[in-house]
Amino acid sequence: SKEMLVGSGTILVAEDEAIIRELIERILQGYGYNVICYDNGEAL
């Protein structure tokens, strides 16, 4: 299942709750994506 969902590319993520932001980053990185995170939409 993981092999089918592995991807590539850069994903920008804006999420103000640190625990959710870190989870999203780890999840997407685990499937091959380069992830750049921000804590609000303005920063992104």
ModelCIF file with pLDDT and N, C-alpha, C, O atoms, coordinates in Angstrom:
data_MODEL
#
_entry.id   MODEL 
#
_entity.id                         1 
_entity.type                       polymer 
_entity.pdbx_number_of_molecules   1 
#
_entity_poly.entity_id                      1 
_entity_poly.type                           'polypeptide(L)' 
_entity_poly.nstd_linkage                   no 
_entity_poly.nstd_monomer                   no 
_entity_poly.pdbx_seq_one_letter_code       SKEMLVGSGTILVAEDEAIIRELIERILQGYGYNVICYDNGEAL 
_entity_poly.pdbx_seq_one_letter_code_can   SKEMLVGSGTILVAEDEAIIRELIERILQGYGYNVICYDNGEAL 
_entity_poly.pdbx_strand_id                 A 
#
loop_
_entity_poly_seq.entity_id 
_entity_poly_seq.num 
_entity_poly_seq.mon_id 
_entity_poly_seq.hetero 
1 1  SER n 
1 2  LYS n 
1 3  GLU n 
1 4  MET n 
1 5  LEU n 
1 6  VAL n 
1 7  GLY n 
1 8  SER n 
1 9  GLY n 
1 10 THR n 
1 11 ILE n 
1 12 LEU n 
1 13 VAL n 
1 14 ALA n 
1 15 GLU n 
1 16 ASP n 
1 17 GLU n 
1 18 ALA n 
1 19 ILE n 
1 20 ILE n 
1 21 ARG n 
1 22 GLU n 
1 23 LEU n 
1 24 ILE n 
1 25 GLU n 
1 26 ARG n 
1 27 ILE n 
1 28 LEU n 
1 29 GLN n 
1 30 GLY n 
1 31 TYR n 
1 32 GLY n 
1 33 TYR n 
1 34 ASN n 
1 35 VAL n 
1 36 ILE n 
1 37 CYS n 
1 38 TYR n 
1 39 ASP n 
1 40 ASN n 
1 41 GLY n 
1 42 GLU n 
1 43 ALA n 
1 44 LEU n 
#
_struct_asym.id          A 
_struct_asym.entity_id   1 
#
loop_
_ma_qa_metric.id 
_ma_qa_metric.mode 
_ma_qa_metric.name 
_ma_qa_metric.software_group_id 
_ma_qa_metric.type 
1 global pLDDT . pLDDT 
2 local  pLDDT . pLDDT 
#
_ma_qa_metric_global.metric_id      1 
_ma_qa_metric_global.metric_value   89.07 
_ma_qa_metric_global.model_id       1 
_ma_qa_metric_global.ordinal_id     1 
#
loop_
_ma_qa_metric_local.label_asym_id 
_ma_qa_metric_local.label_comp_id 
_ma_qa_metric_local.label_seq_id 
_ma_qa_metric_local.metric_id 
_ma_qa_metric_local.metric_value 
_ma_qa_metric_local.model_id 
_ma_qa_metric_local.ordinal_id 
A SER 1  2 62.00 1 1  
A LYS 2  2 67.00 1 2  
A GLU 3  2 71.00 1 3  
A MET 4  2 77.00 1 4  
A LEU 5  2 81.00 1 5  
A VAL 6  2 85.00 1 6  
A GLY 7  2 83.00 1 7  
A SER 8  2 89.00 1 8  
A GLY 9  2 92.00 1 9  
A THR 10 2 94.00 1 10 
A ILE 11 2 96.00 1 11 
A LEU 12 2 97.00 1 12 
A VAL 13 2 97.00 1 13 
A ALA 14 2 96.00 1 14 
A GLU 15 2 93.00 1 15 
A ASP 16 2 88.00 1 16 
A GLU 17 2 83.00 1 17 
A ALA 18 2 82.00 1 18 
A ILE 19 2 81.00 1 19 
A ILE 20 2 84.00 1 20 
A ARG 21 2 89.00 1 21 
A GLU 22 2 87.00 1 22 
A LEU 23 2 86.00 1 23 
A ILE 24 2 91.00 1 24 
A GLU 25 2 92.00 1 25 
A ARG 26 2 89.00 1 26 
A ILE 27 2 90.00 1 27 
A LEU 28 2 93.00 1 28 
A GLN 29 2 92.00 1 29 
A GLY 30 2 89.00 1 30 
A TYR 31 2 91.00 1 31 
A GLY 32 2 92.00 1 32 
A TYR 33 2 95.00 1 33 
A ASN 34 2 95.00 1 34 
A VAL 35 2 96.00 1 35 
A ILE 36 2 96.00 1 36 
A CYS 37 2 96.00 1 37 
A TYR 38 2 96.00 1 38 
A ASP 39 2 92.00 1 39 
A ASN 40 2 94.00 1 40 
A GLY 41 2 94.00 1 41 
A GLU 42 2 95.00 1 42 
A ALA 43 2 95.00 1 43 
A LEU 44 2 96.00 1 44 
#
loop_
_atom_site.group_PDB 
_atom_site.id 
_atom_site.type_symbol 
_atom_site.label_atom_id 
_atom_site.label_alt_id 
_atom_site.label_comp_id 
_atom_site.label_asym_id 
_atom_site.label_entity_id 
_atom_site.label_seq_id 
_atom_site.pdbx_PDB_ins_code 
_atom_site.Cartn_x 
_atom_site.Cartn_y 
_atom_site.Cartn_z 
_atom_site.occupancy 
_atom_site.B_iso_or_equiv 
_atom_site.pdbx_formal_charge 
_atom_site.auth_seq_id 
_atom_site.auth_comp_id 
_atom_site.auth_asym_id 
_atom_site.auth_atom_id 
_atom_site.pdbx_PDB_model_num 
ATOM 1   N N  . SER A 1 1  ? 0.835  -1.204 0.000  1.00 62.00 ? 1  SER A N  1 
ATOM 2   C CA . SER A 1 1  ? 0.000  0.000  0.000  1.00 62.00 ? 1  SER A CA 1 
ATOM 3   C C  . SER A 1 1  ? 0.868  1.251  0.000  1.00 62.00 ? 1  SER A C  1 
ATOM 4   O O  . SER A 1 1  ? 0.571  2.224  -0.693 1.00 62.00 ? 1  SER A O  1 
ATOM 5   N N  . LYS A 1 2  ? 1.938  1.217  0.781  1.00 67.00 ? 2  LYS A N  1 
ATOM 6   C CA . LYS A 1 2  ? 2.822  2.375  0.869  1.00 67.00 ? 2  LYS A CA 1 
ATOM 7   C C  . LYS A 1 2  ? 3.500  2.639  -0.472 1.00 67.00 ? 2  LYS A C  1 
ATOM 8   O O  . LYS A 1 2  ? 3.615  3.788  -0.900 1.00 67.00 ? 2  LYS A O  1 
ATOM 9   N N  . GLU A 1 3  ? 3.949  1.570  -1.134 1.00 71.00 ? 3  GLU A N  1 
ATOM 10  C CA . GLU A 1 3  ? 4.620  1.736  -2.431 1.00 71.00 ? 3  GLU A CA 1 
ATOM 11  C C  . GLU A 1 3  ? 3.714  2.438  -3.438 1.00 71.00 ? 3  GLU A C  1 
ATOM 12  O O  . GLU A 1 3  ? 4.178  3.255  -4.233 1.00 71.00 ? 3  GLU A O  1 
ATOM 13  N N  . MET A 1 4  ? 2.424  2.120  -3.403 1.00 77.00 ? 4  MET A N  1 
ATOM 14  C CA . MET A 1 4  ? 1.474  2.728  -4.341 1.00 77.00 ? 4  MET A CA 1 
ATOM 15  C C  . MET A 1 4  ? 1.291  4.221  -4.066 1.00 77.00 ? 4  MET A C  1 
ATOM 16  O O  . MET A 1 4  ? 0.961  4.983  -4.975 1.00 77.00 ? 4  MET A O  1 
ATOM 17  N N  . LEU A 1 5  ? 1.503  4.642  -2.814 1.00 81.00 ? 5  LEU A N  1 
ATOM 18  C CA . LEU A 1 5  ? 1.243  6.033  -2.438 1.00 81.00 ? 5  LEU A CA 1 
ATOM 19  C C  . LEU A 1 5  ? 2.504  6.897  -2.361 1.00 81.00 ? 5  LEU A C  1 
ATOM 20  O O  . LEU A 1 5  ? 2.412  8.106  -2.146 1.00 81.00 ? 5  LEU A O  1 
ATOM 21  N N  . VAL A 1 6  ? 3.671  6.291  -2.533 1.00 85.00 ? 6  VAL A N  1 
ATOM 22  C CA . VAL A 1 6  ? 4.912  7.065  -2.490 1.00 85.00 ? 6  VAL A CA 1 
ATOM 23  C C  . VAL A 1 6  ? 4.909  8.083  -3.626 1.00 85.00 ? 6  VAL A C  1 
ATOM 24  O O  . VAL A 1 6  ? 4.588  7.755  -4.769 1.00 85.00 ? 6  VAL A O  1 
ATOM 25  N N  . GLY A 1 7  ? 5.269  9.312  -3.298 1.00 83.00 ? 7  GLY A N  1 
ATOM 26  C CA . GLY A 1 7  ? 5.283  10.369 -4.306 1.00 83.00 ? 7  GLY A CA 1 
ATOM 27  C C  . GLY A 1 7  ? 6.579  11.143 -4.269 1.00 83.00 ? 7  GLY A C  1 
ATOM 28  O O  . GLY A 1 7  ? 7.555  10.709 -3.657 1.00 83.00 ? 7  GLY A O  1 
ATOM 29  N N  . SER A 1 8  ? 6.588  12.283 -4.920 1.00 89.00 ? 8  SER A N  1 
ATOM 30  C CA . SER A 1 8  ? 7.773  13.139 -4.936 1.00 89.00 ? 8  SER A CA 1 
ATOM 31  C C  . SER A 1 8  ? 7.325  14.583 -5.128 1.00 89.00 ? 8  SER A C  1 
ATOM 32  O O  . SER A 1 8  ? 6.173  14.849 -5.468 1.00 89.00 ? 8  SER A O  1 
ATOM 33  N N  . GLY A 1 9  ? 8.241  15.497 -4.907 1.00 92.00 ? 9  GLY A N  1 
ATOM 34  C CA . GLY A 1 9  ? 7.922  16.906 -5.067 1.00 92.00 ? 9  GLY A CA 1 
ATOM 35  C C  . GLY A 1 9  ? 7.895  17.632 -3.738 1.00 92.00 ? 9  GLY A C  1 
ATOM 36  O O  . GLY A 1 9  ? 8.031  17.023 -2.676 1.00 92.00 ? 9  GLY A O  1 
ATOM 37  N N  . THR A 1 10 ? 7.721  18.933 -3.809 1.00 94.00 ? 10 THR A N  1 
ATOM 38  C CA . THR A 1 10 ? 7.721  19.788 -2.619 1.00 94.00 ? 10 THR A CA 1 
ATOM 39  C C  . THR A 1 10 ? 6.299  20.175 -2.237 1.00 94.00 ? 10 THR A C  1 
ATOM 40  O O  . THR A 1 10 ? 5.532  20.664 -3.067 1.00 94.00 ? 10 THR A O  1 
ATOM 41  N N  . ILE A 1 11 ? 5.959  19.954 -0.984 1.00 96.00 ? 11 ILE A N  1 
ATOM 42  C CA . ILE A 1 11 ? 4.639  20.299 -0.452 1.00 96.00 ? 11 ILE A CA 1 
ATOM 43  C C  . ILE A 1 11 ? 4.807  21.397 0.589  1.00 96.00 ? 11 ILE A C  1 
ATOM 44  O O  . ILE A 1 11 ? 5.562  21.237 1.549  1.00 96.00 ? 11 ILE A O  1 
ATOM 45  N N  . LEU A 1 12 ? 4.103  22.514 0.402  1.00 97.00 ? 12 LEU A N  1 
ATOM 46  C CA . LEU A 1 12 ? 4.091  23.575 1.407  1.00 97.00 ? 12 LEU A CA 1 
ATOM 47  C C  . LEU A 1 12 ? 2.916  23.358 2.342  1.00 97.00 ? 12 LEU A C  1 
ATOM 48  O O  . LEU A 1 12 ? 1.790  23.160 1.887  1.00 97.00 ? 12 LEU A O  1 
ATOM 49  N N  . VAL A 1 13 ? 3.162  23.393 3.630  1.00 97.00 ? 13 VAL A N  1 
ATOM 50  C CA . VAL A 1 13 ? 2.125  23.122 4.627  1.00 97.00 ? 13 VAL A CA 1 
ATOM 51  C C  . VAL A 1 13 ? 2.016  24.289 5.595  1.00 97.00 ? 13 VAL A C  1 
ATOM 52  O O  . VAL A 1 13 ? 3.019  24.713 6.169  1.00 97.00 ? 13 VAL A O  1 
ATOM 53  N N  . ALA A 1 14 ? 0.802  24.815 5.783  1.00 96.00 ? 14 ALA A N  1 
ATOM 54  C CA . ALA A 1 14 ? 0.555  25.849 6.795  1.00 96.00 ? 14 ALA A CA 1 
ATOM 55  C C  . ALA A 1 14 ? -0.448 25.303 7.809  1.00 96.00 ? 14 ALA A C  1 
ATOM 56  O O  . ALA A 1 14 ? -1.589 25.001 7.462  1.00 96.00 ? 14 ALA A O  1 
ATOM 57  N N  . GLU A 1 15 ? -0.017 25.181 9.053  1.00 93.00 ? 15 GLU A N  1 
ATOM 58  C CA . GLU A 1 15 ? -0.850 24.652 10.141 1.00 93.00 ? 15 GLU A CA 1 
ATOM 59  C C  . GLU A 1 15 ? -0.346 25.281 11.434 1.00 93.00 ? 15 GLU A C  1 
ATOM 60  O O  . GLU A 1 15 ? 0.839  25.176 11.751 1.00 93.00 ? 15 GLU A O  1 
ATOM 61  N N  . ASP A 1 16 ? -1.234 25.936 12.185 1.00 88.00 ? 16 ASP A N  1 
ATOM 62  C CA . ASP A 1 16 ? -0.778 26.670 13.365 1.00 88.00 ? 16 ASP A CA 1 
ATOM 63  C C  . ASP A 1 16 ? -0.546 25.785 14.585 1.00 88.00 ? 16 ASP A C  1 
ATOM 64  O O  . ASP A 1 16 ? 0.227  26.163 15.465 1.00 88.00 ? 16 ASP A O  1 
ATOM 65  N N  . GLU A 1 17 ? -1.185 24.627 14.668 1.00 83.00 ? 17 GLU A N  1 
ATOM 66  C CA . GLU A 1 17 ? -0.975 23.754 15.822 1.00 83.00 ? 17 GLU A CA 1 
ATOM 67  C C  . GLU A 1 17 ? 0.273  22.910 15.588 1.00 83.00 ? 17 GLU A C  1 
ATOM 68  O O  . GLU A 1 17 ? 0.319  22.089 14.672 1.00 83.00 ? 17 GLU A O  1 
ATOM 69  N N  . ALA A 1 18 ? 1.278  23.122 16.422 1.00 82.00 ? 18 ALA A N  1 
ATOM 70  C CA . ALA A 1 18 ? 2.591  22.501 16.220 1.00 82.00 ? 18 ALA A CA 1 
ATOM 71  C C  . ALA A 1 18 ? 2.522  20.985 16.142 1.00 82.00 ? 18 ALA A C  1 
ATOM 72  O O  . ALA A 1 18 ? 3.198  20.384 15.307 1.00 82.00 ? 18 ALA A O  1 
ATOM 73  N N  . ILE A 1 19 ? 1.720  20.353 16.993 1.00 81.00 ? 19 ILE A N  1 
ATOM 74  C CA . ILE A 1 19 ? 1.676  18.891 17.021 1.00 81.00 ? 19 ILE A CA 1 
ATOM 75  C C  . ILE A 1 19 ? 1.106  18.330 15.715 1.00 81.00 ? 19 ILE A C  1 
ATOM 76  O O  . ILE A 1 19 ? 1.570  17.300 15.226 1.00 81.00 ? 19 ILE A O  1 
ATOM 77  N N  . ILE A 1 20 ? 0.096  19.009 15.151 1.00 84.00 ? 20 ILE A N  1 
ATOM 78  C CA . ILE A 1 20 ? -0.474 18.558 13.880 1.00 84.00 ? 20 ILE A CA 1 
ATOM 79  C C  . ILE A 1 20 ? 0.501  18.844 12.746 1.00 84.00 ? 20 ILE A C  1 
ATOM 80  O O  . ILE A 1 20 ? 0.672  18.025 11.842 1.00 84.00 ? 20 ILE A O  1 
ATOM 81  N N  . ARG A 1 21 ? 1.134  20.005 12.797 1.00 89.00 ? 21 ARG A N  1 
ATOM 82  C CA . ARG A 1 21 ? 2.107  20.382 11.762 1.00 89.00 ? 21 ARG A CA 1 
ATOM 83  C C  . ARG A 1 21 ? 3.241  19.359 11.690 1.00 89.00 ? 21 ARG A C  1 
ATOM 84  O O  . ARG A 1 21 ? 3.646  18.946 10.604 1.00 89.00 ? 21 ARG A O  1 
ATOM 85  N N  . GLU A 1 22 ? 3.742  18.961 12.842 1.00 87.00 ? 22 GLU A N  1 
ATOM 86  C CA . GLU A 1 22 ? 4.845  17.994 12.887 1.00 87.00 ? 22 GLU A CA 1 
ATOM 87  C C  . GLU A 1 22 ? 4.388  16.619 12.389 1.00 87.00 ? 22 GLU A C  1 
ATOM 88  O O  . GLU A 1 22 ? 5.138  15.920 11.707 1.00 87.00 ? 22 GLU A O  1 
ATOM 89  N N  . LEU A 1 23 ? 3.164  16.238 12.732 1.00 86.00 ? 23 LEU A N  1 
ATOM 90  C CA . LEU A 1 23 ? 2.635  14.958 12.256 1.00 86.00 ? 23 LEU A CA 1 
ATOM 91  C C  . LEU A 1 23 ? 2.508  14.942 10.734 1.00 86.00 ? 23 LEU A C  1 
ATOM 92  O O  . LEU A 1 23 ? 2.901  13.977 10.079 1.00 86.00 ? 23 LEU A O  1 
ATOM 93  N N  . ILE A 1 24 ? 1.958  16.013 10.183 1.00 91.00 ? 24 ILE A N  1 
ATOM 94  C CA . ILE A 1 24 ? 1.800  16.110 8.730  1.00 91.00 ? 24 ILE A CA 1 
ATOM 95  C C  . ILE A 1 24 ? 3.162  16.044 8.046  1.00 91.00 ? 24 ILE A C  1 
ATOM 96  O O  . ILE A 1 24 ? 3.329  15.358 7.037  1.00 91.00 ? 24 ILE A O  1 
ATOM 97  N N  . GLU A 1 25 ? 4.127  16.763 8.605  1.00 92.00 ? 25 GLU A N  1 
ATOM 98  C CA . GLU A 1 25 ? 5.475  16.763 8.028  1.00 92.00 ? 25 GLU A CA 1 
ATOM 99  C C  . GLU A 1 25 ? 6.067  15.352 8.014  1.00 92.00 ? 25 GLU A C  1 
ATOM 100 O O  . GLU A 1 25 ? 6.606  14.911 6.999  1.00 92.00 ? 25 GLU A O  1 
ATOM 101 N N  . ARG A 1 26 ? 5.964  14.654 9.135  1.00 89.00 ? 26 ARG A N  1 
ATOM 102 C CA . ARG A 1 26 ? 6.525  13.300 9.222  1.00 89.00 ? 26 ARG A CA 1 
ATOM 103 C C  . ARG A 1 26 ? 5.809  12.333 8.280  1.00 89.00 ? 26 ARG A C  1 
ATOM 104 O O  . ARG A 1 26 ? 6.442  11.508 7.620  1.00 89.00 ? 26 ARG A O  1 
ATOM 105 N N  . ILE A 1 27 ? 4.490  12.445 8.229  1.00 90.00 ? 27 ILE A N  1 
ATOM 106 C CA . ILE A 1 27 ? 3.716  11.545 7.369  1.00 90.00 ? 27 ILE A CA 1 
ATOM 107 C C  . ILE A 1 27 ? 4.124  11.719 5.913  1.00 90.00 ? 27 ILE A C  1 
ATOM 108 O O  . ILE A 1 27 ? 4.437  10.743 5.230  1.00 90.00 ? 27 ILE A O  1 
ATOM 109 N N  . LEU A 1 28 ? 4.119  12.961 5.438  1.00 93.00 ? 28 LEU A N  1 
ATOM 110 C CA . LEU A 1 28 ? 4.424  13.211 4.026  1.00 93.00 ? 28 LEU A CA 1 
ATOM 111 C C  . LEU A 1 28 ? 5.889  12.908 3.696  1.00 93.00 ? 28 LEU A C  1 
ATOM 112 O O  . LEU A 1 28 ? 6.187  12.389 2.621  1.00 93.00 ? 28 LEU A O  1 
ATOM 113 N N  . GLN A 1 29 ? 6.788  13.227 4.605  1.00 92.00 ? 29 GLN A N  1 
ATOM 114 C CA . GLN A 1 29 ? 8.197  12.881 4.381  1.00 92.00 ? 29 GLN A CA 1 
ATOM 115 C C  . GLN A 1 29 ? 8.370  11.365 4.284  1.00 92.00 ? 29 GLN A C  1 
ATOM 116 O O  . GLN A 1 29 ? 9.184  10.871 3.503  1.00 92.00 ? 29 GLN A O  1 
ATOM 117 N N  . GLY A 1 30 ? 7.604  10.647 5.078  1.00 89.00 ? 30 GLY A N  1 
ATOM 118 C CA . GLY A 1 30 ? 7.673  9.188  5.055  1.00 89.00 ? 30 GLY A CA 1 
ATOM 119 C C  . GLY A 1 30 ? 7.228  8.584  3.734  1.00 89.00 ? 30 GLY A C  1 
ATOM 120 O O  . GLY A 1 30 ? 7.545  7.434  3.431  1.00 89.00 ? 30 GLY A O  1 
ATOM 121 N N  . TYR A 1 31 ? 6.494  9.361  2.951  1.00 91.00 ? 31 TYR A N  1 
ATOM 122 C CA . TYR A 1 31 ? 6.033  8.885  1.645  1.00 91.00 ? 31 TYR A CA 1 
ATOM 123 C C  . TYR A 1 31 ? 6.782  9.562  0.494  1.00 91.00 ? 31 TYR A C  1 
ATOM 124 O O  . TYR A 1 31 ? 6.315  9.551  -0.644 1.00 91.00 ? 31 TYR A O  1 
ATOM 125 N N  . GLY A 1 32 ? 7.935  10.146 0.791  1.00 92.00 ? 32 GLY A N  1 
ATOM 126 C CA . GLY A 1 32 ? 8.814  10.611 -0.266 1.00 92.00 ? 32 GLY A CA 1 
ATOM 127 C C  . GLY A 1 32 ? 8.768  12.088 -0.606 1.00 92.00 ? 32 GLY A C  1 
ATOM 128 O O  . GLY A 1 32 ? 9.492  12.533 -1.496 1.00 92.00 ? 32 GLY A O  1 
ATOM 129 N N  . TYR A 1 33 ? 7.937  12.860 0.080  1.00 95.00 ? 33 TYR A N  1 
ATOM 130 C CA . TYR A 1 33 ? 7.802  14.277 -0.259 1.00 95.00 ? 33 TYR A CA 1 
ATOM 131 C C  . TYR A 1 33 ? 8.795  15.153 0.507  1.00 95.00 ? 33 TYR A C  1 
ATOM 132 O O  . TYR A 1 33 ? 9.175  14.848 1.637  1.00 95.00 ? 33 TYR A O  1 
ATOM 133 N N  . ASN A 1 34 ? 9.200  16.233 -0.127 1.00 95.00 ? 34 ASN A N  1 
ATOM 134 C CA . ASN A 1 34 ? 9.952  17.286 0.541  1.00 95.00 ? 34 ASN A CA 1 
ATOM 135 C C  . ASN A 1 34 ? 8.912  18.240 1.128  1.00 95.00 ? 34 ASN A C  1 
ATOM 136 O O  . ASN A 1 34 ? 8.074  18.760 0.392  1.00 95.00 ? 34 ASN A O  1 
ATOM 137 N N  . VAL A 1 35 ? 8.953  18.473 2.419  1.00 96.00 ? 35 VAL A N  1 
ATOM 138 C CA . VAL A 1 35 ? 7.899  19.240 3.091  1.00 96.00 ? 35 VAL A CA 1 
ATOM 139 C C  . VAL A 1 35 ? 8.488  20.496 3.734  1.00 96.00 ? 35 VAL A C  1 
ATOM 140 O O  . VAL A 1 35 ? 9.477  20.432 4.464  1.00 96.00 ? 35 VAL A O  1 
ATOM 141 N N  . ILE A 1 36 ? 7.862  21.635 3.450  1.00 96.00 ? 36 ILE A N  1 
ATOM 142 C CA . ILE A 1 36 ? 8.252  22.901 4.072  1.00 96.00 ? 36 ILE A CA 1 
ATOM 143 C C  . ILE A 1 36 ? 7.047  23.416 4.856  1.00 96.00 ? 36 ILE A C  1 
ATOM 144 O O  . ILE A 1 36 ? 5.963  23.581 4.297  1.00 96.00 ? 36 ILE A O  1 
ATOM 145 N N  . CYS A 1 37 ? 7.237  23.668 6.150  1.00 96.00 ? 37 CYS A N  1 
ATOM 146 C CA . CYS A 1 37 ? 6.110  24.012 7.023  1.00 96.00 ? 37 CYS A CA 1 
ATOM 147 C C  . CYS A 1 37 ? 6.132  25.467 7.491  1.00 96.00 ? 37 CYS A C  1 
ATOM 148 O O  . CYS A 1 37 ? 7.186  26.087 7.637  1.00 96.00 ? 37 CYS A O  1 
ATOM 149 N N  . TYR A 1 38 ? 4.923  25.985 7.721  1.00 96.00 ? 38 TYR A N  1 
ATOM 150 C CA . TYR A 1 38 ? 4.729  27.351 8.221  1.00 96.00 ? 38 TYR A CA 1 
ATOM 151 C C  . TYR A 1 38 ? 3.631  27.304 9.280  1.00 96.00 ? 38 TYR A C  1 
ATOM 152 O O  . TYR A 1 38 ? 2.790  26.406 9.273  1.00 96.00 ? 38 TYR A O  1 
ATOM 153 N N  . ASP A 1 39 ? 3.646  28.285 10.194 1.00 92.00 ? 39 ASP A N  1 
ATOM 154 C CA . ASP A 1 39 ? 2.621  28.252 11.247 1.00 92.00 ? 39 ASP A CA 1 
ATOM 155 C C  . ASP A 1 39 ? 1.417  29.141 10.955 1.00 92.00 ? 39 ASP A C  1 
ATOM 156 O O  . ASP A 1 39 ? 0.518  29.259 11.788 1.00 92.00 ? 39 ASP A O  1 
ATOM 157 N N  . ASN A 1 40 ? 1.391  29.770 9.774  1.00 94.00 ? 40 ASN A N  1 
ATOM 158 C CA . ASN A 1 40 ? 0.207  30.526 9.369  1.00 94.00 ? 40 ASN A CA 1 
ATOM 159 C C  . ASN A 1 40 ? 0.241  30.761 7.860  1.00 94.00 ? 40 ASN A C  1 
ATOM 160 O O  . ASN A 1 40 ? 1.287  30.610 7.229  1.00 94.00 ? 40 ASN A O  1 
ATOM 161 N N  . GLY A 1 41 ? -0.888 31.126 7.292  1.00 94.00 ? 41 GLY A N  1 
ATOM 162 C CA . GLY A 1 41 ? -1.001 31.309 5.852  1.00 94.00 ? 41 GLY A CA 1 
ATOM 163 C C  . GLY A 1 41 ? -0.182 32.473 5.324  1.00 94.00 ? 41 GLY A C  1 
ATOM 164 O O  . GLY A 1 41 ? 0.323  32.424 4.203  1.00 94.00 ? 41 GLY A O  1 
ATOM 165 N N  . GLU A 1 42 ? -0.051 33.509 6.123  1.00 95.00 ? 42 GLU A N  1 
ATOM 166 C CA . GLU A 1 42 ? 0.702  34.687 5.686  1.00 95.00 ? 42 GLU A CA 1 
ATOM 167 C C  . GLU A 1 42 ? 2.177  34.332 5.445  1.00 95.00 ? 42 GLU A C  1 
ATOM 168 O O  . GLU A 1 42 ? 2.767  34.748 4.448  1.00 95.00 ? 42 GLU A O  1 
ATOM 169 N N  . ALA A 1 43 ? 2.760  33.562 6.364  1.00 95.00 ? 43 ALA A N  1 
ATOM 170 C CA . ALA A 1 43 ? 4.158  33.163 6.224  1.00 95.00 ? 43 ALA A CA 1 
ATOM 171 C C  . ALA A 1 43 ? 4.352  32.303 4.972  1.00 95.00 ? 43 ALA A C  1 
ATOM 172 O O  . ALA A 1 43 ? 5.330  32.469 4.243  1.00 95.00 ? 43 ALA A O  1 
ATOM 173 N N  . LEU A 1 44 ? 3.412  31.384 4.730  1.00 96.00 ? 44 LEU A N  1 
ATOM 174 C CA . LEU A 1 44 ? 3.503  30.551 3.525  1.00 96.00 ? 44 LEU A CA 1 
ATOM 175 C C  . LEU A 1 44 ? 3.388  31.406 2.269  1.00 96.00 ? 44 LEU A C  1 
ATOM 176 O O  . LEU A 1 44 ? 3.442  30.879 1.157  1.00 96.00 ? 44 LEU A O  1 
#
